[in-house]
C-alpha atoms as a PDB file:
ATOM      1  CA  MET A   1     -87.646   1.738 -46.701  1.00  0.00           C
ATOM      2  CA  LYS A   2     -84.813  -0.770 -46.816  1.00  0.00           C
ATOM      3  CA  VAL A   3     -81.155   0.078 -46.293  1.00  0.00           C
ATOM      4  CA  ILE A   4     -77.952  -1.956 -46.247  1.00  0.00           C
ATOM      5  CA  LEU A   5     -75.651  -1.543 -43.255  1.00  0.00           C
ATOM      6  CA  GLY A   6     -71.934  -2.332 -43.179  1.00  0.00           C
ATOM      7  CA  LEU A   7     -69.993  -2.962 -39.959  1.00  0.00           C
ATOM      8  CA  VAL A   8     -66.206  -2.820 -40.279  1.00  0.00           C
ATOM      9  CA  GLN A   9     -64.933  -5.265 -37.652  1.00  0.00           C
ATOM     10  CA  MET A  10     -61.183  -4.889 -37.323  1.00  0.00           C
ATOM     11  CA  GLY A  11     -58.149  -5.352 -35.115  1.00  0.00           C
ATOM     12  CA  MET A  12     -55.853  -2.430 -34.424  1.00  0.00           C
ATOM     13  CA  ALA A  13     -52.132  -1.981 -34.953  1.00  0.00           C
ATOM     14  CA  ALA A  14     -49.817   0.163 -32.817  1.00  0.00           C
ATOM     15  CA  ASP A  15     -49.532   2.674 -35.668  1.00  0.00           C
ATOM     16  CA  ALA A  16     -52.379   5.164 -36.141  1.00  0.00           C
ATOM     17  CA  ALA A  17     -51.663   5.602 -39.866  1.00  0.00           C
ATOM     18  CA  GLU A  18     -51.972   1.850 -40.409  1.00  0.00           C
ATOM     19  CA  ASN A  19     -55.277   1.810 -38.535  1.00  0.00           C
ATOM     20  CA  ARG A  20     -56.620   4.650 -40.662  1.00  0.00           C
ATOM     21  CA  ARG A  21     -55.600   2.754 -43.786  1.00  0.00           C
ATOM     22  CA  ARG A  22     -57.423  -0.360 -42.569  1.00  0.00           C
ATOM     23  CA  ALA A  23     -60.503   1.679 -41.744  1.00  0.00           C
ATOM     24  CA  VAL A  24     -60.629   3.311 -45.179  1.00  0.00           C
ATOM     25  CA  ASN A  25     -60.170  -0.073 -46.860  1.00  0.00           C
ATOM     26  CA  GLY A  26     -63.006  -1.443 -44.740  1.00  0.00           C
ATOM     27  CA  ILE A  27     -65.275   1.408 -45.795  1.00  0.00           C
ATOM     28  CA  LYS A  28     -64.471   0.695 -49.441  1.00  0.00           C
ATOM     29  CA  ALA A  29     -65.162  -3.011 -48.988  1.00  0.00           C
ATOM     30  CA  ALA A  30     -68.512  -2.321 -47.295  1.00  0.00           C
ATOM     31  CA  ALA A  31     -69.529   0.100 -50.058  1.00  0.00           C
ATOM     32  CA  GLN A  32     -68.661  -2.481 -52.703  1.00  0.00           C
ATOM     33  CA  LYS A  33     -71.135  -4.809 -50.980  1.00  0.00           C
ATOM     34  CA  GLY A  34     -73.859  -2.179 -51.227  1.00  0.00           C
ATOM     35  CA  ALA A  35     -73.687  -0.657 -47.749  1.00  0.00           C
ATOM     36  CA  LYS A  36     -75.179   2.824 -47.440  1.00  0.00           C
ATOM     37  CA  ILE A  37     -74.424   3.289 -43.734  1.00  0.00           C
ATOM     38  CA  ILE A  38     -70.998   2.113 -42.604  1.00  0.00           C
ATOM     39  CA  CYS A  39     -69.720   2.016 -39.017  1.00  0.00           C
ATOM     40  CA  LEU A  40     -66.216   1.547 -37.570  1.00  0.00           C
ATOM     41  CA  PRO A  41     -65.326   0.251 -34.063  1.00  0.00           C
ATOM     42  CA  GLU A  42     -64.537   2.234 -30.925  1.00  0.00           C
ATOM     43  CA  LEU A  43     -61.065   3.891 -30.785  1.00  0.00           C
ATOM     44  CA  PHE A  44     -60.251   2.494 -34.216  1.00  0.00           C
ATOM     45  CA  THR A  45     -57.098   4.607 -34.686  1.00  0.00           C
ATOM     46  CA  SER A  46     -55.274   3.153 -31.669  1.00  0.00           C
ATOM     47  CA  PRO A  47     -54.608   0.087 -29.555  1.00  0.00           C
ATOM     48  CA  TYR A  48     -56.977  -0.191 -26.600  1.00  0.00           C
ATOM     49  CA  PHE A  49     -54.729   1.778 -24.238  1.00  0.00           C
ATOM     50  CA  PRO A  50     -57.258   1.993 -21.337  1.00  0.00           C
ATOM     51  CA  GLN A  51     -56.399  -1.587 -20.375  1.00  0.00           C
ATOM     52  CA  ASP A  52     -53.508   0.108 -18.524  1.00  0.00           C
ATOM     53  CA  GLU A  53     -54.274   2.296 -15.516  1.00  0.00           C
ATOM     54  CA  ARG A  54     -51.782   4.834 -16.802  1.00  0.00           C
ATOM     55  CA  ALA A  55     -50.420   4.857 -20.333  1.00  0.00           C
ATOM     56  CA  ASP A  56     -48.902   7.543 -22.523  1.00  0.00           C
ATOM     57  CA  ALA A  57     -51.703   7.813 -25.074  1.00  0.00           C
ATOM     58  CA  ASP A  58     -51.194  11.444 -26.067  1.00  0.00           C
ATOM     59  CA  ALA A  59     -49.916  10.446 -29.486  1.00  0.00           C
ATOM     60  CA  PHE A  60     -53.342   8.986 -30.302  1.00  0.00           C
ATOM     61  CA  SER A  61     -55.335  12.086 -29.333  1.00  0.00           C
ATOM     62  CA  GLU A  62     -56.387  14.523 -32.032  1.00  0.00           C
ATOM     63  CA  THR A  63     -58.734  17.361 -32.718  1.00  0.00           C
ATOM     64  CA  ILE A  64     -62.034  17.148 -34.557  1.00  0.00           C
ATOM     65  CA  PRO A  65     -61.847  18.152 -37.385  1.00  0.00           C
ATOM     66  CA  GLY A  66     -58.387  16.654 -37.851  1.00  0.00           C
ATOM     67  CA  GLU A  67     -56.363  14.168 -39.843  1.00  0.00           C
ATOM     68  CA  THR A  68     -58.694  11.228 -39.265  1.00  0.00           C
ATOM     69  CA  THR A  69     -61.889  13.110 -40.039  1.00  0.00           C
ATOM     70  CA  ALA A  70     -60.358  14.481 -43.253  1.00  0.00           C
ATOM     71  CA  LEU A  71     -59.586  10.951 -44.441  1.00  0.00           C
ATOM     72  CA  LEU A  72     -63.018   9.641 -43.487  1.00  0.00           C
ATOM     73  CA  SER A  73     -64.783  12.571 -45.116  1.00  0.00           C
ATOM     74  CA  ALA A  74     -63.082  11.681 -48.399  1.00  0.00           C
ATOM     75  CA  ALA A  75     -63.873   7.990 -47.885  1.00  0.00           C
ATOM     76  CA  ALA A  76     -67.571   8.714 -47.263  1.00  0.00           C
ATOM     77  CA  LYS A  77     -67.758  10.858 -50.384  1.00  0.00           C
ATOM     78  CA  GLU A  78     -66.048   8.213 -52.506  1.00  0.00           C
ATOM     79  CA  ALA A  79     -68.272   5.459 -51.089  1.00  0.00           C
ATOM     80  CA  ARG A  80     -71.405   7.616 -51.380  1.00  0.00           C
ATOM     81  CA  ALA A  81     -72.361   6.316 -47.963  1.00  0.00           C
ATOM     82  CA  VAL A  82     -73.019   7.635 -44.496  1.00  0.00           C
ATOM     83  CA  VAL A  83     -69.948   6.843 -42.377  1.00  0.00           C
ATOM     84  CA  ILE A  84     -69.856   6.599 -38.591  1.00  0.00           C
ATOM     85  CA  ALA A  85     -66.328   7.126 -37.339  1.00  0.00           C
ATOM     86  CA  GLY A  86     -66.555   4.549 -34.548  1.00  0.00           C
ATOM     87  CA  SER A  87     -64.812   6.703 -32.034  1.00  0.00           C
ATOM     88  CA  ILE A  88     -61.728   8.887 -31.856  1.00  0.00           C
ATOM     89  CA  TYR A  89     -59.642   9.956 -28.858  1.00  0.00           C
ATOM     90  CA  GLU A  90     -60.660  13.598 -29.134  1.00  0.00           C
ATOM     91  CA  ARG A  91     -58.556  16.424 -27.732  1.00  0.00           C
ATOM     92  CA  ASP A  92     -60.544  19.601 -27.056  1.00  0.00           C
ATOM     93  CA  GLY A  93     -58.439  22.152 -25.208  1.00  0.00           C
ATOM     94  CA  LYS A  94     -57.361  20.516 -21.946  1.00  0.00           C
ATOM     95  CA  LYS A  95     -60.092  17.863 -22.052  1.00  0.00           C
ATOM     96  CA  LEU A  96     -60.091  14.473 -23.735  1.00  0.00           C
ATOM     97  CA  TYR A  97     -63.183  12.623 -24.918  1.00  0.00           C
ATOM     98  CA  ASN A  98     -64.200   9.352 -26.557  1.00  0.00           C
ATOM     99  CA  THR A  99     -66.005  10.769 -29.573  1.00  0.00           C
ATOM    100  CA  SER A 100     -67.870   9.497 -32.607  1.00  0.00           C
ATOM    101  CA  VAL A 101     -68.285  11.573 -35.767  1.00  0.00           C
ATOM    102  CA  VAL A 102     -70.986  11.088 -38.403  1.00  0.00           C
ATOM    103  CA  PHE A 103     -70.492  11.983 -42.088  1.00  0.00           C
ATOM    104  CA  ASP A 104     -73.163  12.087 -44.764  1.00  0.00           C
ATOM    105  CA  GLU A 105     -72.732  10.592 -48.231  1.00  0.00           C
ATOM    106  CA  THR A 106     -71.145  13.826 -49.523  1.00  0.00           C
ATOM    107  CA  GLY A 107     -68.456  13.738 -46.827  1.00  0.00           C
ATOM    108  CA  LYS A 108     -70.002  16.529 -44.761  1.00  0.00           C
ATOM    109  CA  ILE A 109     -69.739  16.194 -40.970  1.00  0.00           C
ATOM    110  CA  LEU A 110     -73.270  15.991 -39.580  1.00  0.00           C
ATOM    111  CA  GLY A 111     -72.099  16.176 -35.979  1.00  0.00           C
ATOM    112  CA  LYS A 112     -70.448  14.283 -33.165  1.00  0.00           C
ATOM    113  CA  TYR A 113     -71.378  12.391 -30.015  1.00  0.00           C
ATOM    114  CA  ARG A 114     -69.195  12.093 -26.921  1.00  0.00           C
ATOM    115  CA  LYS A 115     -69.456   8.877 -24.892  1.00  0.00           C
ATOM    116  CA  MET A 116     -71.625   9.472 -21.830  1.00  0.00           C
ATOM    117  CA  HIS A 117     -71.051   6.401 -19.652  1.00  0.00           C
ATOM    118  CA  ILE A 118     -67.377   5.879 -18.843  1.00  0.00           C
ATOM    119  CA  PRO A 119     -66.340   2.561 -17.246  1.00  0.00           C
ATOM    120  CA  GLN A 120     -63.679   2.142 -14.591  1.00  0.00           C
ATOM    121  CA  ASP A 121     -62.897  -1.517 -14.071  1.00  0.00           C
ATOM    122  CA  GLN A 122     -60.034  -3.962 -14.308  1.00  0.00           C
ATOM    123  CA  ASN A 123     -58.477  -3.526 -17.770  1.00  0.00           C
ATOM    124  CA  PHE A 124     -61.128  -0.915 -18.670  1.00  0.00           C
ATOM    125  CA  PHE A 125     -59.653   2.122 -16.895  1.00  0.00           C
ATOM    126  CA  GLU A 126     -61.395   4.648 -19.133  1.00  0.00           C
ATOM    127  CA  GLN A 127     -62.071   7.270 -16.470  1.00  0.00           C
ATOM    128  CA  ASN A 128     -58.313   7.825 -16.337  1.00  0.00           C
ATOM    129  CA  TYR A 129     -58.406   8.970 -19.956  1.00  0.00           C
ATOM    130  CA  PHE A 130     -61.847  10.293 -20.948  1.00  0.00           C
ATOM    131  CA  ALA A 131     -64.071  13.023 -19.593  1.00  0.00           C
ATOM    132  CA  ALA A 132     -67.775  12.157 -19.599  1.00  0.00           C
ATOM    133  CA  GLY A 133     -69.652  13.370 -22.657  1.00  0.00           C
ATOM    134  CA  ASP A 134     -71.051  16.890 -22.459  1.00  0.00           C
ATOM    135  CA  LEU A 135     -72.956  17.225 -25.746  1.00  0.00           C
ATOM    136  CA  GLY A 136     -76.064  15.264 -24.814  1.00  0.00           C
ATOM    137  CA  TYR A 137     -77.581  12.480 -26.870  1.00  0.00           C
ATOM    138  CA  LYS A 138     -77.765  12.990 -30.613  1.00  0.00           C
ATOM    139  CA  VAL A 139     -79.912  11.798 -33.494  1.00  0.00           C
ATOM    140  CA  PHE A 140     -78.630  12.507 -36.996  1.00  0.00           C
ATOM    141  CA  GLU A 141     -81.001  12.774 -39.940  1.00  0.00           C
ATOM    142  CA  THR A 142     -79.535  11.133 -43.018  1.00  0.00           C
ATOM    143  CA  LYS A 143     -80.682  10.208 -46.497  1.00  0.00           C
ATOM    144  CA  TYR A 144     -81.147   6.648 -45.251  1.00  0.00           C
ATOM    145  CA  GLY A 145     -82.970   7.261 -41.979  1.00  0.00           C
ATOM    146  CA  LYS A 146     -82.436   8.784 -38.549  1.00  0.00           C
ATOM    147  CA  ILE A 147     -79.454   7.342 -36.712  1.00  0.00           C
ATOM    148  CA  ALA A 148     -78.114   7.611 -33.181  1.00  0.00           C
ATOM    149  CA  VAL A 149     -74.629   6.674 -32.041  1.00  0.00           C
ATOM    150  CA  LEU A 150     -73.910   5.399 -28.544  1.00  0.00           C
ATOM    151  CA  ILE A 151     -70.469   4.076 -27.614  1.00  0.00           C
ATOM    152  CA  CYS A 152     -69.536   0.736 -26.006  1.00  0.00           C
ATOM    153  CA  TYR A 153     -70.314   0.974 -22.265  1.00  0.00           C
ATOM    154  CA  ASP A 154     -73.419   2.999 -23.184  1.00  0.00           C
ATOM    155  CA  GLN A 155     -74.720  -0.396 -24.390  1.00  0.00           C
ATOM    156  CA  TRP A 156     -75.574  -1.510 -20.877  1.00  0.00           C
ATOM    157  CA  PHE A 157     -77.843   1.445 -20.095  1.00  0.00           C
ATOM    158  CA  PRO A 158     -81.444   1.131 -21.322  1.00  0.00           C
ATOM    159  CA  GLU A 159     -82.010   4.813 -20.517  1.00  0.00           C
ATOM    160  CA  ALA A 160     -79.641   5.875 -23.309  1.00  0.00           C
ATOM    161  CA  ALA A 161     -81.299   3.649 -25.905  1.00  0.00           C
ATOM    162  CA  ARG A 162     -84.767   4.789 -24.832  1.00  0.00           C
ATOM    163  CA  THR A 163     -83.743   8.462 -24.941  1.00  0.00           C
ATOM    164  CA  VAL A 164     -82.448   8.402 -28.517  1.00  0.00           C
ATOM    165  CA  SER A 165     -85.433   6.308 -29.583  1.00  0.00           C
ATOM    166  CA  LEU A 166     -87.820   8.903 -28.131  1.00  0.00           C
ATOM    167  CA  MET A 167     -85.802  11.473 -30.090  1.00  0.00           C
ATOM    168  CA  GLY A 168     -86.777   9.614 -33.276  1.00  0.00           C
ATOM    169  CA  ALA A 169     -83.856   7.302 -34.026  1.00  0.00           C
ATOM    170  CA  ASP A 170     -84.653   4.538 -36.518  1.00  0.00           C
ATOM    171  CA  MET A 171     -81.274   2.880 -35.887  1.00  0.00           C
ATOM    172  CA  ILE A 172     -78.799   2.839 -33.004  1.00  0.00           C
ATOM    173  CA  PHE A 173     -75.142   2.141 -33.747  1.00  0.00           C
ATOM    174  CA  TYR A 174     -72.825   1.003 -30.958  1.00  0.00           C
ATOM    175  CA  PRO A 175     -69.101   1.216 -31.852  1.00  0.00           C
ATOM    176  CA  THR A 176     -67.448  -1.061 -29.308  1.00  0.00           C
ATOM    177  CA  ALA A 177     -64.219  -2.369 -27.768  1.00  0.00           C
ATOM    178  CA  ILE A 178     -65.093  -5.333 -25.582  1.00  0.00           C
ATOM    179  CA  GLY A 179     -63.649  -8.754 -24.960  1.00  0.00           C
ATOM    180  CA  THR A 180     -62.369 -11.184 -22.391  1.00  0.00           C
ATOM    181  CA  VAL A 181     -59.377 -10.521 -20.149  1.00  0.00           C
ATOM    182  CA  GLU A 182     -56.659 -13.046 -19.450  1.00  0.00           C
ATOM    183  CA  GLY A 183     -56.823 -14.091 -15.807  1.00  0.00           C
ATOM    184  CA  VAL A 184     -60.307 -12.664 -15.218  1.00  0.00           C
ATOM    185  CA  GLU A 185     -62.991 -15.329 -14.849  1.00  0.00           C
ATOM    186  CA  GLN A 186     -66.438 -14.842 -16.394  1.00  0.00           C
ATOM    187  CA  SER A 187     -67.990 -15.801 -13.066  1.00  0.00           C
ATOM    188  CA  GLU A 188     -71.334 -14.103 -13.792  1.00  0.00           C
ATOM    189  CA  GLY A 189     -71.842 -16.046 -16.998  1.00  0.00           C
ATOM    190  CA  ASN A 190     -70.834 -15.618 -20.629  1.00  0.00           C
ATOM    191  CA  TRP A 191     -69.976 -11.954 -21.215  1.00  0.00           C
ATOM    192  CA  GLN A 192     -70.531 -12.039 -24.978  1.00  0.00           C
ATOM    193  CA  ASP A 193     -73.966 -13.610 -24.602  1.00  0.00           C
ATOM    194  CA  ALA A 194     -74.973 -10.921 -22.094  1.00  0.00           C
ATOM    195  CA  TRP A 195     -73.574  -8.163 -24.326  1.00  0.00           C
ATOM    196  CA  GLU A 196     -75.560  -9.331 -27.330  1.00  0.00           C
ATOM    197  CA  THR A 197     -78.731 -10.096 -25.367  1.00  0.00           C
ATOM    198  CA  VAL A 198     -79.007  -6.703 -23.669  1.00  0.00           C
ATOM    199  CA  GLN A 199     -78.679  -4.884 -26.981  1.00  0.00           C
ATOM    200  CA  ARG A 200     -81.245  -7.048 -28.727  1.00  0.00           C
ATOM    201  CA  GLY A 201     -83.495  -6.189 -25.794  1.00  0.00           C
ATOM    202  CA  HIS A 202     -82.960  -2.482 -26.510  1.00  0.00           C
ATOM    203  CA  ALA A 203     -83.989  -3.128 -30.119  1.00  0.00           C
ATOM    204  CA  ILE A 204     -87.252  -4.783 -29.064  1.00  0.00           C
ATOM    205  CA  ALA A 205     -88.155  -2.339 -26.285  1.00  0.00           C
ATOM    206  CA  ASN A 206     -87.664   0.631 -28.588  1.00  0.00           C
ATOM    207  CA  GLY A 207     -88.641  -0.696 -32.008  1.00  0.00           C
ATOM    208  CA  THR A 208     -85.251   0.304 -33.409  1.00  0.00           C
ATOM    209  CA  VAL A 209     -82.552  -1.408 -35.428  1.00  0.00           C
ATOM    210  CA  VAL A 210     -79.450  -2.020 -33.296  1.00  0.00           C
ATOM    211  CA  ALA A 211     -76.028  -2.439 -34.899  1.00  0.00           C
ATOM    212  CA  ALA A 212     -72.996  -3.196 -32.725  1.00  0.00           C
ATOM    213  CA  VAL A 213     -69.507  -3.176 -34.273  1.00  0.00           C
ATOM    214  CA  ASN A 214     -66.704  -4.558 -32.131  1.00  0.00           C
ATOM    215  CA  ARG A 215     -62.947  -4.790 -32.347  1.00  0.00           C
ATOM    216  CA  ALA A 216     -61.334  -8.143 -33.092  1.00  0.00           C
ATOM    217  CA  GLY A 217     -58.070  -9.843 -32.192  1.00  0.00           C
ATOM    218  CA  ARG A 218     -55.750 -10.010 -29.188  1.00  0.00           C
ATOM    219  CA  GLU A 219     -54.120  -6.965 -27.609  1.00  0.00           C
ATOM    220  CA  ARG A 220     -51.848  -8.139 -24.787  1.00  0.00           C
ATOM    221  CA  LYS A 221     -54.176  -9.414 -22.008  1.00  0.00           C
ATOM    222  CA  MET A 222     -57.380  -8.684 -23.926  1.00  0.00           C
ATOM    223  CA  LYS A 223     -59.060 -10.853 -26.538  1.00  0.00           C
ATOM    224  CA  PHE A 224     -61.681  -8.835 -28.400  1.00  0.00           C
ATOM    225  CA  TRP A 225     -64.346 -11.295 -29.460  1.00  0.00           C
ATOM    226  CA  GLY A 226     -65.640  -9.493 -32.535  1.00  0.00           C
ATOM    227  CA  GLY A 227     -69.176 -10.811 -32.916  1.00  0.00           C
ATOM    228  CA  SER A 228     -70.409  -7.598 -34.533  1.00  0.00           C
ATOM    229  CA  PHE A 229     -74.108  -7.945 -35.280  1.00  0.00           C
ATOM    230  CA  VAL A 230     -77.263  -6.300 -36.576  1.00  0.00           C
ATOM    231  CA  SER A 231     -80.603  -6.840 -34.835  1.00  0.00           C
ATOM    232  CA  SER A 232     -84.000  -6.087 -36.291  1.00  0.00           C
ATOM    233  CA  GLN A 233     -86.521  -3.991 -34.401  1.00  0.00           C
ATOM    234  CA  PHE A 234     -87.920  -7.156 -32.847  1.00  0.00           C
ATOM    235  CA  GLY A 235     -84.611  -8.717 -31.843  1.00  0.00           C
ATOM    236  CA  THR A 236     -84.080 -10.955 -34.876  1.00  0.00           C
ATOM    237  CA  LEU A 237     -80.383 -11.445 -35.547  1.00  0.00           C
ATOM    238  CA  LEU A 238     -79.921 -10.373 -39.171  1.00  0.00           C
ATOM    239  CA  ALA A 239     -76.149 -10.801 -39.407  1.00  0.00           C
ATOM    240  CA  LYS A 240     -73.269 -11.642 -37.083  1.00  0.00           C
ATOM    241  CA  GLY A 241     -69.511 -11.644 -37.479  1.00  0.00           C
ATOM    242  CA  GLY A 242     -66.896 -14.093 -36.291  1.00  0.00           C
ATOM    243  CA  ASP A 243     -63.807 -13.292 -34.236  1.00  0.00           C
ATOM    244  CA  ARG A 244     -61.557 -11.920 -36.994  1.00  0.00           C
ATOM    245  CA  ASP A 245     -61.391  -8.906 -39.294  1.00  0.00           C
ATOM    246  CA  GLU A 246     -64.397  -8.804 -41.611  1.00  0.00           C
ATOM    247  CA  VAL A 247     -67.146  -6.608 -42.972  1.00  0.00           C
ATOM    248  CA  VAL A 248     -70.580  -7.593 -41.665  1.00  0.00           C
ATOM    249  CA  ILE A 249     -73.428  -6.727 -44.039  1.00  0.00           C
ATOM    250  CA  ALA A 250     -77.165  -6.695 -43.298  1.00  0.00           C
ATOM    251  CA  GLU A 251     -80.238  -5.261 -44.984  1.00  0.00           C
ATOM    252  CA  VAL A 252     -82.749  -3.705 -42.606  1.00  0.00           C
ATOM    253  CA  ASP A 253     -86.370  -2.751 -43.229  1.00  0.00           C
ATOM    254  CA  LEU A 254     -87.137   0.497 -41.431  1.00  0.00           C
ATOM    255  CA  SER A 255     -90.891   0.000 -41.837  1.00  0.00           C
ATOM    256  CA  LEU A 256     -90.737  -2.828 -39.284  1.00  0.00           C
ATOM    257  CA  GLY A 257     -89.959  -0.260 -36.588  1.00  0.00           C
ATOM    258  CA  LYS A 258     -93.291   1.453 -37.138  1.00  0.00           C
ATOM    259  CA  GLU A 259     -95.051  -1.916 -37.092  1.00  0.00           C
ATOM    260  CA  VAL A 260     -93.466  -2.869 -33.750  1.00  0.00           C
ATOM    261  CA  LYS A 261     -94.182   0.508 -32.176  1.00  0.00           C
ATOM    262  CA  GLU A 262     -97.810   0.531 -33.292  1.00  0.00           C
ATOM    263  CA  GLY A 263     -98.439  -3.139 -32.608  1.00  0.00           C
ATOM    264  CA  TRP A 264     -96.848  -3.426 -29.168  1.00  0.00           C
ATOM    265  CA  ARG A 265     -97.370   0.217 -28.121  1.00  0.00           C
ATOM    266  CA  PHE A 266     -94.409   0.345 -25.779  1.00  0.00           C
ATOM    267  CA  PHE A 267     -94.118   4.108 -26.279  1.00  0.00           C
ATOM    268  CA  HIS A 268     -97.839   4.818 -26.206  1.00  0.00           C
ATOM    269  CA  ASN A 269     -98.326   3.057 -22.883  1.00  0.00           C
ATOM    270  CA  ARG A 270     -95.334   4.541 -21.099  1.00  0.00           C
ATOM    271  CA  ARG A 271     -95.919   5.991 -17.599  1.00  0.00           C
ATOM    272  CA  PRO A 272     -93.382   8.836 -17.258  1.00  0.00           C
ATOM    273  CA  ASP A 273     -95.210  10.040 -14.145  1.00  0.00           C
ATOM    274  CA  THR A 274     -93.996   6.889 -12.356  1.00  0.00           C
ATOM    275  CA  TYR A 275     -90.335   7.094 -13.425  1.00  0.00           C
ATOM    276  CA  SER A 276     -88.975   9.825 -11.129  1.00  0.00           C
ATOM    277  CA  ARG A 277     -86.694   7.312  -9.392  1.00  0.00           C
ATOM    278  CA  LEU A 278     -84.710   6.953 -12.610  1.00  0.00           C
ATOM    279  CA  VAL A 279     -83.295  10.471 -12.326  1.00  0.00           C
ATOM    280  CA  GLN A 280     -82.441  10.329  -8.634  1.00  0.00           C
ATOM    281  CA  LYS A 281     -78.790   9.820  -7.720  1.00  0.00           C
END
């Protein structure tokens, strides 16, 4: 089975309504190019406020369902495509989460995933804003295959990718907000290269398509590098964006996942009895 993916790479304005408008227009543009699964970036309704240790971000929080999900439900139905709502600053009672929502091609909400791994680093002060996800990992069955959503910092954890792959995911989508920071040296090496490489490694190790959709543009000290990409199940780069707003389109062949799994037998030859150290704190 082949399916066309659309990644809506975009920069964000200070106004949530403007960001929603851009997102809906991106969904329409992806659908016009044949995309049947369309993904938005992380926190696509707002500026990246966690670059400040403390910021008044309450105006960007909302419930799910809410205004944004209503608009995206209609957009998914009009596009006749599965839509992954990158992530939203979700307000649930007194708690706040970084949450992705998945819609099917009729506009129905299939479910949501709350970001599990929350960074706390210079200009990425997310633990000051988001509670850790409490819904577990999710795989959503759609007309176009089984998809999992993991969010940004989750990208660096092979355990998350392996878990959703064992749950049956054909594709993993990573809505993202990552870039370079003014005044912070990339002393370890090129951050974007590492970001792309680790995710292509997840694709190979798990025999799954990986699609990462990043923000673009400058927001004060941060320069989001874009570079949204789709990797095949054996790490082949199928499409990659530049550093500006664009819709990245790629056709993926889901049958390749079965070929990789059966040929390389990474799942068959696992040794779970030797992995107890992975779950020790």
